[in-house]
Amino acid sequence: MTSSSALAEAEAEKAGGPDALTHLDALESEAVHILREVAGEFEKPVILFSGGKDSIVMLHLAMKAFTPAPVPFPLLHVDTGHNFPEVIEHRDRIVAKHGLGLHVASVQEFIDRGLLRERPDGTRNPLQTVPLVHAIREHRFDAVFGGGRRDEEKARAKERVFSLRDEFSQWDPRRQRPELWQLYNGRHAPGEHVRVFPLSNWTELDVWQYIAREHIELPEIYFAHRREVFCRNGMWLTAGEWGGPKAGETVEKRQVRYRTVGDISCTGAVDSHATTIDEVIAEIAASRLTERGATRADDKMSEAAMEDRKREGYF
């Protein structure tokens, strides 16, 4: 028995016997309810899918929610052009395996058309908002599933499960609606849409315990491996055409893994020897830093970096 399986069984017994619901059962049930609620209430939902662990878990939940029927939503990936190859390969394999529809909104395409300009620091993560908003308008999506969780970052902790966005895809915290007794209000005016977060109440540890329980396959970079990296502002970054390393930044080979994946220019690795899911779970349980706080340079641009981007239409 794996340590994660033993943990789930211990929780079940503590809650009242082996047939009692575990906390993972409760989280799964809530997420499935949210997915089905959106399917019944909206006309054109879409799942934001990056190939990262949270979007993979969200897709797994969607497949569970509607089996034996296919998932009734397409996927949407906002492609920065600075992606980890392992993640894109995994994304394409999942799409092909399950016969899913995939829309790709390309940051590079918007740069080529003169609608966006490269940033001096080389990162494209903040540039994702314009292609995302354009794709939502073009395809008339009225509900957009995101894998955001409240434990990730303080701006995301302010989100409701159903988060209303105006006709410009902007987020106003003052327009948040109460969600008592799991009653969700999807009402929106023409041109508006709702961002939906089925994993809101999950933690990073919950996600990994669920991955272990469900035997969900992930990109290899989530596990410890040898990689050439350099240090910038206390983070281990991968070298690339985006602008790293700079003068004085030395590339070295280290044993690392990624807690989160995003634009390669601002997503840092952490030193790790965790090569299995159980070892990752043990590592996360001992950590005192959130995954974004430890590994995302884009969230460190200012105290309100994430909230500012969310107000503009970011995930």
C-alpha atoms as a PDB file:
ATOM      1  CA  MET A   1       0.000   0.000   0.000  1.00  0.00           C
ATOM      2  CA  THR A   2       1.377   3.441  -0.886  1.00  0.00           C
ATOM      3  CA  SER A   3       1.645   6.106   1.789  1.00  0.00           C
ATOM      4  CA  SER A   4      -1.059   8.146   0.030  1.00  0.00           C
ATOM      5  CA  SER A   5      -3.435   5.153   0.017  1.00  0.00           C
ATOM      6  CA  ALA A   6      -2.719   4.548   3.668  1.00  0.00           C
ATOM      7  CA  LEU A   7      -3.431   8.196   4.416  1.00  0.00           C
ATOM      8  CA  ALA A   8      -6.789   8.058   2.623  1.00  0.00           C
ATOM      9  CA  GLU A   9      -7.762   4.886   4.490  1.00  0.00           C
ATOM     10  CA  ALA A  10      -6.744   6.385   7.838  1.00  0.00           C
ATOM     11  CA  GLU A  11      -8.864   9.439   7.135  1.00  0.00           C
ATOM     12  CA  ALA A  12     -11.852   7.268   6.234  1.00  0.00           C
ATOM     13  CA  GLU A  13     -11.571   5.304   9.448  1.00  0.00           C
ATOM     14  CA  LYS A  14     -11.203   8.486  11.496  1.00  0.00           C
ATOM     15  CA  ALA A  15     -14.334   9.894   9.839  1.00  0.00           C
ATOM     16  CA  GLY A  16     -16.445   6.915  10.769  1.00  0.00           C
ATOM     17  CA  GLY A  17     -15.387   3.727   9.030  1.00  0.00           C
ATOM     18  CA  PRO A  18     -13.957   2.434   5.755  1.00  0.00           C
ATOM     19  CA  ASP A  19     -17.127   3.351   3.813  1.00  0.00           C
ATOM     20  CA  ALA A  20     -17.146   6.986   4.966  1.00  0.00           C
ATOM     21  CA  LEU A  21     -16.292   9.756   2.540  1.00  0.00           C
ATOM     22  CA  THR A  22     -12.697  10.974   2.664  1.00  0.00           C
ATOM     23  CA  HIS A  23     -11.825  14.635   2.190  1.00  0.00           C
ATOM     24  CA  LEU A  24     -10.780  13.780  -1.379  1.00  0.00           C
ATOM     25  CA  ASP A  25     -14.209  12.237  -2.021  1.00  0.00           C
ATOM     26  CA  ALA A  26     -15.828  15.450  -0.785  1.00  0.00           C
ATOM     27  CA  LEU A  27     -13.621  17.656  -2.953  1.00  0.00           C
ATOM     28  CA  GLU A  28     -14.234  15.454  -5.997  1.00  0.00           C
ATOM     29  CA  SER A  29     -17.991  15.521  -5.412  1.00  0.00           C
ATOM     30  CA  GLU A  30     -17.993  19.321  -5.146  1.00  0.00           C
ATOM     31  CA  ALA A  31     -15.959  19.718  -8.357  1.00  0.00           C
ATOM     32  CA  VAL A  32     -18.173  17.279 -10.281  1.00  0.00           C
ATOM     33  CA  HIS A  33     -21.250  19.173  -9.089  1.00  0.00           C
ATOM     34  CA  ILE A  34     -19.729  22.464 -10.350  1.00  0.00           C
ATOM     35  CA  LEU A  35     -18.860  20.966 -13.743  1.00  0.00           C
ATOM     36  CA  ARG A  36     -22.382  19.581 -14.184  1.00  0.00           C
ATOM     37  CA  GLU A  37     -23.929  22.853 -12.994  1.00  0.00           C
ATOM     38  CA  VAL A  38     -22.057  24.736 -15.718  1.00  0.00           C
ATOM     39  CA  ALA A  39     -23.030  22.172 -18.357  1.00  0.00           C
ATOM     40  CA  GLY A  40     -26.681  22.680 -17.484  1.00  0.00           C
ATOM     41  CA  GLU A  41     -26.616  26.466 -17.112  1.00  0.00           C
ATOM     42  CA  PHE A  42     -24.346  27.782 -19.884  1.00  0.00           C
ATOM     43  CA  GLU A  43     -24.364  27.492 -23.673  1.00  0.00           C
ATOM     44  CA  LYS A  44     -20.647  27.494 -24.597  1.00  0.00           C
ATOM     45  CA  PRO A  45     -18.258  26.592 -21.768  1.00  0.00           C
ATOM     46  CA  VAL A  46     -14.557  25.922 -22.341  1.00  0.00           C
ATOM     47  CA  ILE A  47     -11.793  24.452 -20.166  1.00  0.00           C
ATOM     48  CA  LEU A  48      -8.528  26.380 -19.896  1.00  0.00           C
ATOM     49  CA  PHE A  49      -5.900  23.691 -20.366  1.00  0.00           C
ATOM     50  CA  SER A  50      -2.164  24.249 -20.125  1.00  0.00           C
ATOM     51  CA  GLY A  51      -0.978  20.676 -19.657  1.00  0.00           C
ATOM     52  CA  GLY A  52      -0.114  21.484 -16.042  1.00  0.00           C
ATOM     53  CA  LYS A  53      -1.202  19.369 -13.079  1.00  0.00           C
ATOM     54  CA  ASP A  54      -4.240  21.465 -12.073  1.00  0.00           C
ATOM     55  CA  SER A  55      -5.736  21.555 -15.565  1.00  0.00           C
ATOM     56  CA  ILE A  56      -5.005  17.829 -15.955  1.00  0.00           C
ATOM     57  CA  VAL A  57      -6.873  17.105 -12.716  1.00  0.00           C
ATOM     58  CA  MET A  58      -9.734  19.372 -13.819  1.00  0.00           C
ATOM     59  CA  LEU A  59     -10.002  17.497 -17.122  1.00  0.00           C
ATOM     60  CA  HIS A  60      -9.931  14.170 -15.265  1.00  0.00           C
ATOM     61  CA  LEU A  61     -12.827  15.394 -13.107  1.00  0.00           C
ATOM     62  CA  ALA A  62     -14.741  16.475 -16.221  1.00  0.00           C
ATOM     63  CA  MET A  63     -14.320  13.020 -17.744  1.00  0.00           C
ATOM     64  CA  LYS A  64     -15.626  11.500 -14.509  1.00  0.00           C
ATOM     65  CA  ALA A  65     -18.526  13.948 -14.351  1.00  0.00           C
ATOM     66  CA  PHE A  66     -19.907  13.031 -17.777  1.00  0.00           C
ATOM     67  CA  THR A  67     -18.854   9.434 -18.361  1.00  0.00           C
ATOM     68  CA  PRO A  68     -19.804   7.415 -20.386  1.00  0.00           C
ATOM     69  CA  ALA A  69     -20.499  10.465 -22.592  1.00  0.00           C
ATOM     70  CA  PRO A  70     -17.546  12.513 -23.872  1.00  0.00           C
ATOM     71  CA  VAL A  71     -16.556  15.759 -22.161  1.00  0.00           C
ATOM     72  CA  PRO A  72     -19.049  18.348 -23.534  1.00  0.00           C
ATOM     73  CA  PHE A  73     -16.524  21.213 -23.515  1.00  0.00           C
ATOM     74  CA  PRO A  74     -13.540  21.976 -25.755  1.00  0.00           C
ATOM     75  CA  LEU A  75     -10.134  22.929 -24.331  1.00  0.00           C
ATOM     76  CA  LEU A  76      -8.410  26.293 -24.705  1.00  0.00           C
ATOM     77  CA  HIS A  77      -4.651  26.742 -24.307  1.00  0.00           C
ATOM     78  CA  VAL A  78      -3.088  30.202 -24.287  1.00  0.00           C
ATOM     79  CA  ASP A  79       0.304  29.395 -25.798  1.00  0.00           C
ATOM     80  CA  THR A  80       3.087  31.843 -24.880  1.00  0.00           C
ATOM     81  CA  GLY A  81       5.549  30.253 -27.311  1.00  0.00           C
ATOM     82  CA  HIS A  82       7.900  29.829 -24.341  1.00  0.00           C
ATOM     83  CA  ASN A  83       6.569  26.495 -23.154  1.00  0.00           C
ATOM     84  CA  PHE A  84       8.296  23.498 -21.639  1.00  0.00           C
ATOM     85  CA  PRO A  85       8.457  20.927 -24.473  1.00  0.00           C
ATOM     86  CA  GLU A  86       7.530  18.123 -22.085  1.00  0.00           C
ATOM     87  CA  VAL A  87       4.281  19.907 -21.183  1.00  0.00           C
ATOM     88  CA  ILE A  88       3.226  20.571 -24.784  1.00  0.00           C
ATOM     89  CA  GLU A  89       3.965  16.952 -25.686  1.00  0.00           C
ATOM     90  CA  HIS A  90       1.821  15.776 -22.759  1.00  0.00           C
ATOM     91  CA  ARG A  91      -0.987  18.173 -23.722  1.00  0.00           C
ATOM     92  CA  ASP A  92      -1.094  16.876 -27.284  1.00  0.00           C
ATOM     93  CA  ARG A  93      -0.991  13.254 -26.136  1.00  0.00           C
ATOM     94  CA  ILE A  94      -3.998  13.751 -23.830  1.00  0.00           C
ATOM     95  CA  VAL A  95      -5.976  15.566 -26.537  1.00  0.00           C
ATOM     96  CA  ALA A  96      -5.292  12.791 -29.060  1.00  0.00           C
ATOM     97  CA  LYS A  97      -5.957   9.970 -26.591  1.00  0.00           C
ATOM     98  CA  HIS A  98      -9.409  11.246 -25.608  1.00  0.00           C
ATOM     99  CA  GLY A  99     -10.430  12.824 -28.924  1.00  0.00           C
ATOM    100  CA  LEU A 100     -10.828  16.279 -27.386  1.00  0.00           C
ATOM    101  CA  GLY A 101     -11.300  19.584 -29.177  1.00  0.00           C
ATOM    102  CA  LEU A 102      -8.432  22.028 -28.609  1.00  0.00           C
ATOM    103  CA  HIS A 103      -8.303  25.751 -29.363  1.00  0.00           C
ATOM    104  CA  VAL A 104      -4.875  27.420 -29.168  1.00  0.00           C
ATOM    105  CA  ALA A 105      -4.566  31.177 -28.625  1.00  0.00           C
ATOM    106  CA  SER A 106      -1.003  32.098 -29.611  1.00  0.00           C
ATOM    107  CA  VAL A 107       0.924  34.964 -28.034  1.00  0.00           C
ATOM    108  CA  GLN A 108       3.471  34.710 -30.853  1.00  0.00           C
ATOM    109  CA  GLU A 109       0.731  35.245 -33.439  1.00  0.00           C
ATOM    110  CA  PHE A 110      -0.346  38.464 -31.703  1.00  0.00           C
ATOM    111  CA  ILE A 111       3.272  39.644 -31.595  1.00  0.00           C
ATOM    112  CA  ASP A 112       3.706  38.875 -35.304  1.00  0.00           C
ATOM    113  CA  ARG A 113       0.556  40.871 -36.086  1.00  0.00           C
ATOM    114  CA  GLY A 114       1.831  43.853 -34.105  1.00  0.00           C
ATOM    115  CA  LEU A 115      -0.913  43.581 -31.501  1.00  0.00           C
ATOM    116  CA  LEU A 116       1.542  42.813 -28.683  1.00  0.00           C
ATOM    117  CA  ARG A 117       5.142  43.769 -28.016  1.00  0.00           C
ATOM    118  CA  GLU A 118       7.832  41.709 -26.342  1.00  0.00           C
ATOM    119  CA  ARG A 119       8.662  42.811 -22.804  1.00  0.00           C
ATOM    120  CA  PRO A 120      12.213  43.947 -21.955  1.00  0.00           C
ATOM    121  CA  ASP A 121      12.549  41.118 -19.418  1.00  0.00           C
ATOM    122  CA  GLY A 122      11.603  38.491 -22.038  1.00  0.00           C
ATOM    123  CA  THR A 123       8.695  37.017 -20.089  1.00  0.00           C
ATOM    124  CA  ARG A 124       5.459  36.485 -21.979  1.00  0.00           C
ATOM    125  CA  ASN A 125       3.257  35.425 -19.083  1.00  0.00           C
ATOM    126  CA  PRO A 126       1.631  38.879 -18.685  1.00  0.00           C
ATOM    127  CA  LEU A 127       1.025  38.935 -22.464  1.00  0.00           C
ATOM    128  CA  GLN A 128      -1.446  36.048 -22.272  1.00  0.00           C
ATOM    129  CA  THR A 129      -4.405  38.245 -21.358  1.00  0.00           C
ATOM    130  CA  VAL A 130      -5.002  39.737 -24.834  1.00  0.00           C
ATOM    131  CA  PRO A 131      -5.049  36.386 -26.726  1.00  0.00           C
ATOM    132  CA  LEU A 132      -7.230  34.880 -23.985  1.00  0.00           C
ATOM    133  CA  VAL A 133      -9.808  37.672 -24.143  1.00  0.00           C
ATOM    134  CA  HIS A 134      -9.778  37.566 -27.954  1.00  0.00           C
ATOM    135  CA  ALA A 135     -10.405  33.795 -27.990  1.00  0.00           C
ATOM    136  CA  ILE A 136     -13.302  34.138 -25.522  1.00  0.00           C
ATOM    137  CA  ARG A 137     -14.935  36.795 -27.698  1.00  0.00           C
ATOM    138  CA  GLU A 138     -14.219  35.034 -30.994  1.00  0.00           C
ATOM    139  CA  HIS A 139     -15.745  31.733 -29.886  1.00  0.00           C
ATOM    140  CA  ARG A 140     -18.432  33.362 -27.695  1.00  0.00           C
ATOM    141  CA  PHE A 141     -17.531  31.301 -24.643  1.00  0.00           C
ATOM    142  CA  ASP A 142     -19.855  32.193 -21.776  1.00  0.00           C
ATOM    143  CA  ALA A 143     -18.176  30.079 -19.074  1.00  0.00           C
ATOM    144  CA  VAL A 144     -14.430  29.526 -18.798  1.00  0.00           C
ATOM    145  CA  PHE A 145     -13.125  26.842 -16.425  1.00  0.00           C
ATOM    146  CA  GLY A 146      -9.824  27.631 -14.730  1.00  0.00           C
ATOM    147  CA  GLY A 147      -7.655  25.517 -12.449  1.00  0.00           C
ATOM    148  CA  GLY A 148      -6.993  28.306  -9.926  1.00  0.00           C
ATOM    149  CA  ARG A 149      -7.020  27.427  -6.242  1.00  0.00           C
ATOM    150  CA  ARG A 150      -7.448  29.748  -3.272  1.00  0.00           C
ATOM    151  CA  ASP A 151      -4.301  28.493  -1.546  1.00  0.00           C
ATOM    152  CA  GLU A 152      -2.069  29.602  -4.431  1.00  0.00           C
ATOM    153  CA  GLU A 153      -2.060  33.369  -4.048  1.00  0.00           C
ATOM    154  CA  LYS A 154      -3.936  36.054  -2.122  1.00  0.00           C
ATOM    155  CA  ALA A 155      -5.728  37.488  -5.180  1.00  0.00           C
ATOM    156  CA  ARG A 156      -6.973  34.013  -6.100  1.00  0.00           C
ATOM    157  CA  ALA A 157      -8.154  33.581  -2.512  1.00  0.00           C
ATOM    158  CA  LYS A 158     -10.634  36.417  -3.175  1.00  0.00           C
ATOM    159  CA  GLU A 159     -12.303  34.599  -6.079  1.00  0.00           C
ATOM    160  CA  ARG A 160     -15.681  32.951  -5.840  1.00  0.00           C
ATOM    161  CA  VAL A 161     -16.233  29.610  -7.592  1.00  0.00           C
ATOM    162  CA  PHE A 162     -18.329  31.511 -10.177  1.00  0.00           C
ATOM    163  CA  SER A 163     -16.449  34.735 -10.933  1.00  0.00           C
ATOM    164  CA  LEU A 164     -18.279  37.242 -13.136  1.00  0.00           C
ATOM    165  CA  ARG A 165     -16.271  39.068 -15.813  1.00  0.00           C
ATOM    166  CA  ASP A 166     -17.596  42.127 -17.628  1.00  0.00           C
ATOM    167  CA  GLU A 167     -17.792  42.689 -21.391  1.00  0.00           C
ATOM    168  CA  PHE A 168     -14.049  43.495 -21.379  1.00  0.00           C
ATOM    169  CA  SER A 169     -13.269  40.281 -19.418  1.00  0.00           C
ATOM    170  CA  GLN A 170     -12.266  42.392 -16.434  1.00  0.00           C
ATOM    171  CA  TRP A 171     -12.685  41.264 -12.842  1.00  0.00           C
ATOM    172  CA  ASP A 172     -14.143  43.525 -10.167  1.00  0.00           C
ATOM    173  CA  PRO A 173     -13.839  42.077  -6.632  1.00  0.00           C
ATOM    174  CA  ARG A 174     -16.768  44.271  -5.565  1.00  0.00           C
ATOM    175  CA  ARG A 175     -19.099  42.375  -7.917  1.00  0.00           C
ATOM    176  CA  GLN A 176     -18.416  39.026  -6.258  1.00  0.00           C
ATOM    177  CA  ARG A 177     -21.613  37.147  -5.468  1.00  0.00           C
ATOM    178  CA  PRO A 178     -22.438  35.161  -2.320  1.00  0.00           C
ATOM    179  CA  GLU A 179     -22.281  31.374  -2.718  1.00  0.00           C
ATOM    180  CA  LEU A 180     -24.114  29.997   0.278  1.00  0.00           C
ATOM    181  CA  TRP A 181     -24.942  26.270   0.412  1.00  0.00           C
ATOM    182  CA  GLN A 182     -23.153  25.657  -2.911  1.00  0.00           C
ATOM    183  CA  LEU A 183     -25.710  27.734  -4.807  1.00  0.00           C
ATOM    184  CA  TYR A 184     -23.968  29.351  -7.777  1.00  0.00           C
ATOM    185  CA  ASN A 185     -25.260  32.346  -9.710  1.00  0.00           C
ATOM    186  CA  GLY A 186     -24.284  32.187 -13.382  1.00  0.00           C
ATOM    187  CA  ARG A 187     -26.480  35.077 -14.494  1.00  0.00           C
ATOM    188  CA  HIS A 188     -24.634  37.430 -16.851  1.00  0.00           C
ATOM    189  CA  ALA A 189     -25.439  40.116 -19.397  1.00  0.00           C
ATOM    190  CA  PRO A 190     -24.696  39.747 -23.134  1.00  0.00           C
ATOM    191  CA  GLY A 191     -20.949  40.054 -23.693  1.00  0.00           C
ATOM    192  CA  GLU A 192     -20.119  39.096 -20.134  1.00  0.00           C
ATOM    193  CA  HIS A 193     -18.919  35.646 -19.086  1.00  0.00           C
ATOM    194  CA  VAL A 194     -18.180  33.700 -15.937  1.00  0.00           C
ATOM    195  CA  ARG A 195     -14.844  32.213 -14.901  1.00  0.00           C
ATOM    196  CA  VAL A 196     -15.436  28.973 -13.008  1.00  0.00           C
ATOM    197  CA  PHE A 197     -12.959  27.404 -10.566  1.00  0.00           C
ATOM    198  CA  PRO A 198     -13.885  23.815  -9.609  1.00  0.00           C
ATOM    199  CA  LEU A 199     -10.626  23.394  -7.640  1.00  0.00           C
ATOM    200  CA  SER A 200     -11.095  26.546  -5.533  1.00  0.00           C
ATOM    201  CA  ASN A 201     -11.187  24.669  -2.230  1.00  0.00           C
ATOM    202  CA  TRP A 202      -8.356  22.265  -3.053  1.00  0.00           C
ATOM    203  CA  THR A 203      -4.792  22.696  -1.818  1.00  0.00           C
ATOM    204  CA  GLU A 204      -1.604  21.700  -3.620  1.00  0.00           C
ATOM    205  CA  LEU A 205      -1.400  18.708  -1.288  1.00  0.00           C
ATOM    206  CA  ASP A 206      -4.997  17.707  -2.095  1.00  0.00           C
ATOM    207  CA  VAL A 207      -4.195  17.820  -5.815  1.00  0.00           C
ATOM    208  CA  TRP A 208      -1.207  15.530  -5.411  1.00  0.00           C
ATOM    209  CA  GLN A 209      -3.040  13.109  -3.128  1.00  0.00           C
ATOM    210  CA  TYR A 210      -5.827  12.949  -5.723  1.00  0.00           C
ATOM    211  CA  ILE A 211      -3.295  12.355  -8.503  1.00  0.00           C
ATOM    212  CA  ALA A 212      -1.910   9.459  -6.457  1.00  0.00           C
ATOM    213  CA  ARG A 213      -5.346   8.003  -5.772  1.00  0.00           C
ATOM    214  CA  GLU A 214      -6.540   8.290  -9.371  1.00  0.00           C
ATOM    215  CA  HIS A 215      -3.221   7.237 -10.970  1.00  0.00           C
ATOM    216  CA  ILE A 216      -3.193  10.380 -13.131  1.00  0.00           C
ATOM    217  CA  GLU A 217      -0.260  10.747 -15.511  1.00  0.00           C
ATOM    218  CA  LEU A 218       1.709  14.013 -15.430  1.00  0.00           C
ATOM    219  CA  PRO A 219       4.523  15.581 -17.456  1.00  0.00           C
ATOM    220  CA  GLU A 220       7.902  14.302 -16.288  1.00  0.00           C
ATOM    221  CA  ILE A 221       9.156  17.731 -15.180  1.00  0.00           C
ATOM    222  CA  TYR A 222       6.960  17.509 -12.057  1.00  0.00           C
ATOM    223  CA  PHE A 223       9.423  14.911 -10.767  1.00  0.00           C
ATOM    224  CA  ALA A 224      13.109  15.324  -9.881  1.00  0.00           C
ATOM    225  CA  HIS A 225      15.496  15.217 -12.830  1.00  0.00           C
ATOM    226  CA  ARG A 226      18.851  16.642 -13.857  1.00  0.00           C
ATOM    227  CA  ARG A 227      18.516  19.959 -15.692  1.00  0.00           C
ATOM    228  CA  GLU A 228      20.697  22.869 -16.701  1.00  0.00           C
ATOM    229  CA  VAL A 229      19.517  25.936 -14.787  1.00  0.00           C
ATOM    230  CA  PHE A 230      20.806  29.319 -13.627  1.00  0.00           C
ATOM    231  CA  CYS A 231      19.914  31.402 -10.586  1.00  0.00           C
ATOM    232  CA  ARG A 232      18.030  34.704 -10.878  1.00  0.00           C
ATOM    233  CA  ASN A 233      16.441  36.445  -7.883  1.00  0.00           C
ATOM    234  CA  GLY A 234      16.710  33.270  -5.849  1.00  0.00           C
ATOM    235  CA  MET A 235      14.967  31.083  -8.463  1.00  0.00           C
ATOM    236  CA  TRP A 236      16.376  28.315 -10.678  1.00  0.00           C
ATOM    237  CA  LEU A 237      15.380  29.162 -14.259  1.00  0.00           C
ATOM    238  CA  THR A 238      15.891  27.260 -17.516  1.00  0.00           C
ATOM    239  CA  ALA A 239      18.033  28.920 -20.180  1.00  0.00           C
ATOM    240  CA  GLY A 240      16.314  29.841 -23.427  1.00  0.00           C
ATOM    241  CA  GLU A 241      15.831  32.301 -26.271  1.00  0.00           C
ATOM    242  CA  TRP A 242      13.599  34.405 -24.032  1.00  0.00           C
ATOM    243  CA  GLY A 243      16.641  36.144 -22.496  1.00  0.00           C
ATOM    244  CA  GLY A 244      18.447  33.986 -20.026  1.00  0.00           C
ATOM    245  CA  PRO A 245      21.049  33.696 -18.728  1.00  0.00           C
ATOM    246  CA  LYS A 246      22.424  37.219 -18.638  1.00  0.00           C
ATOM    247  CA  ALA A 247      26.005  38.293 -17.945  1.00  0.00           C
ATOM    248  CA  GLY A 248      27.075  37.021 -14.550  1.00  0.00           C
ATOM    249  CA  GLU A 249      24.404  34.282 -14.421  1.00  0.00           C
ATOM    250  CA  THR A 250      26.093  30.889 -14.514  1.00  0.00           C
ATOM    251  CA  VAL A 251      24.411  27.771 -15.897  1.00  0.00           C
ATOM    252  CA  GLU A 252      24.828  24.650 -13.799  1.00  0.00           C
ATOM    253  CA  LYS A 253      23.340  21.179 -13.751  1.00  0.00           C
ATOM    254  CA  ARG A 254      21.149  20.447 -10.719  1.00  0.00           C
ATOM    255  CA  GLN A 255      18.623  17.908  -9.502  1.00  0.00           C
ATOM    256  CA  VAL A 256      15.332  19.829  -9.650  1.00  0.00           C
ATOM    257  CA  ARG A 257      11.627  19.518 -10.287  1.00  0.00           C
ATOM    258  CA  TYR A 258       8.781  21.935 -11.038  1.00  0.00           C
ATOM    259  CA  ARG A 259       5.893  22.551  -8.643  1.00  0.00           C
ATOM    260  CA  THR A 260       3.982  24.517 -11.272  1.00  0.00           C
ATOM    261  CA  VAL A 261       4.442  25.047 -15.004  1.00  0.00           C
ATOM    262  CA  GLY A 262       3.907  28.155 -17.079  1.00  0.00           C
ATOM    263  CA  ASP A 263       5.954  30.451 -19.264  1.00  0.00           C
ATOM    264  CA  ILE A 264       9.498  29.086 -19.144  1.00  0.00           C
ATOM    265  CA  SER A 265      10.912  32.582 -18.599  1.00  0.00           C
ATOM    266  CA  CYS A 266       9.306  33.090 -15.194  1.00  0.00           C
ATOM    267  CA  THR A 267       8.714  29.576 -13.844  1.00  0.00           C
ATOM    268  CA  GLY A 268      11.410  28.408 -11.479  1.00  0.00           C
ATOM    269  CA  ALA A 269      12.422  24.924 -10.459  1.00  0.00           C
ATOM    270  CA  VAL A 270      13.072  23.777  -6.891  1.00  0.00           C
ATOM    271  CA  ASP A 271      15.884  21.562  -5.648  1.00  0.00           C
ATOM    272  CA  SER A 272      14.372  18.130  -5.144  1.00  0.00           C
ATOM    273  CA  HIS A 273      15.075  14.405  -4.923  1.00  0.00           C
ATOM    274  CA  ALA A 274      11.372  13.481  -5.233  1.00  0.00           C
ATOM    275  CA  THR A 275      11.106  11.050  -8.156  1.00  0.00           C
ATOM    276  CA  THR A 276       7.784   9.424  -7.171  1.00  0.00           C
ATOM    277  CA  ILE A 277       4.330  10.772  -6.324  1.00  0.00           C
ATOM    278  CA  ASP A 278       4.653   9.697  -2.681  1.00  0.00           C
ATOM    279  CA  GLU A 279       7.993  11.489  -2.389  1.00  0.00           C
ATOM    280  CA  VAL A 280       6.456  14.636  -3.921  1.00  0.00           C
ATOM    281  CA  ILE A 281       3.576  14.451  -1.415  1.00  0.00           C
ATOM    282  CA  ALA A 282       6.024  14.178   1.488  1.00  0.00           C
ATOM    283  CA  GLU A 283       8.018  17.131   0.134  1.00  0.00           C
ATOM    284  CA  ILE A 284       4.935  19.341  -0.249  1.00  0.00           C
ATOM    285  CA  ALA A 285       3.665  18.432   3.221  1.00  0.00           C
ATOM    286  CA  ALA A 286       6.938  19.741   4.686  1.00  0.00           C
ATOM    287  CA  SER A 287       7.022  22.942   2.592  1.00  0.00           C
ATOM    288  CA  ARG A 288       6.128  26.328   4.071  1.00  0.00           C
ATOM    289  CA  LEU A 289       5.964  28.151   0.719  1.00  0.00           C
ATOM    290  CA  THR A 290       3.096  28.039  -1.772  1.00  0.00           C
ATOM    291  CA  GLU A 291       4.004  26.753  -5.221  1.00  0.00           C
ATOM    292  CA  ARG A 292       3.576  30.174  -6.851  1.00  0.00           C
ATOM    293  CA  GLY A 293       5.393  31.952  -4.036  1.00  0.00           C
ATOM    294  CA  ALA A 294       8.353  29.629  -4.464  1.00  0.00           C
ATOM    295  CA  THR A 295       8.512  29.344  -8.238  1.00  0.00           C
ATOM    296  CA  ARG A 296       6.715  32.138 -10.140  1.00  0.00           C
ATOM    297  CA  ALA A 297       8.703  35.304 -10.834  1.00  0.00           C
ATOM    298  CA  ASP A 298       5.680  36.986 -12.455  1.00  0.00           C
ATOM    299  CA  ASP A 299       3.888  37.064  -9.096  1.00  0.00           C
ATOM    300  CA  LYS A 300       6.813  38.941  -7.538  1.00  0.00           C
ATOM    301  CA  MET A 301       6.660  41.983  -9.830  1.00  0.00           C
ATOM    302  CA  SER A 302       4.634  43.865  -7.204  1.00  0.00           C
ATOM    303  CA  GLU A 303       2.564  43.201  -4.089  1.00  0.00           C
ATOM    304  CA  ALA A 304      -0.609  43.194  -6.198  1.00  0.00           C
ATOM    305  CA  ALA A 305       0.809  41.681  -9.407  1.00  0.00           C
ATOM    306  CA  MET A 306      -1.732  38.879  -9.696  1.00  0.00           C
ATOM    307  CA  GLU A 307      -4.710  41.025  -8.713  1.00  0.00           C
ATOM    308  CA  ASP A 308      -3.755  43.702 -11.247  1.00  0.00           C
ATOM    309  CA  ARG A 309      -3.589  41.101 -14.037  1.00  0.00           C
ATOM    310  CA  LYS A 310      -6.868  39.496 -12.968  1.00  0.00           C
ATOM    311  CA  ARG A 311      -8.593  42.880 -13.152  1.00  0.00           C
ATOM    312  CA  GLU A 312      -7.400  43.126 -16.758  1.00  0.00           C
ATOM    313  CA  GLY A 313      -8.773  39.703 -17.701  1.00  0.00           C
ATOM    314  CA  TYR A 314      -6.017  37.262 -16.693  1.00  0.00           C
ATOM    315  CA  PHE A 315      -6.870  33.728 -15.506  1.00  0.00           C
END
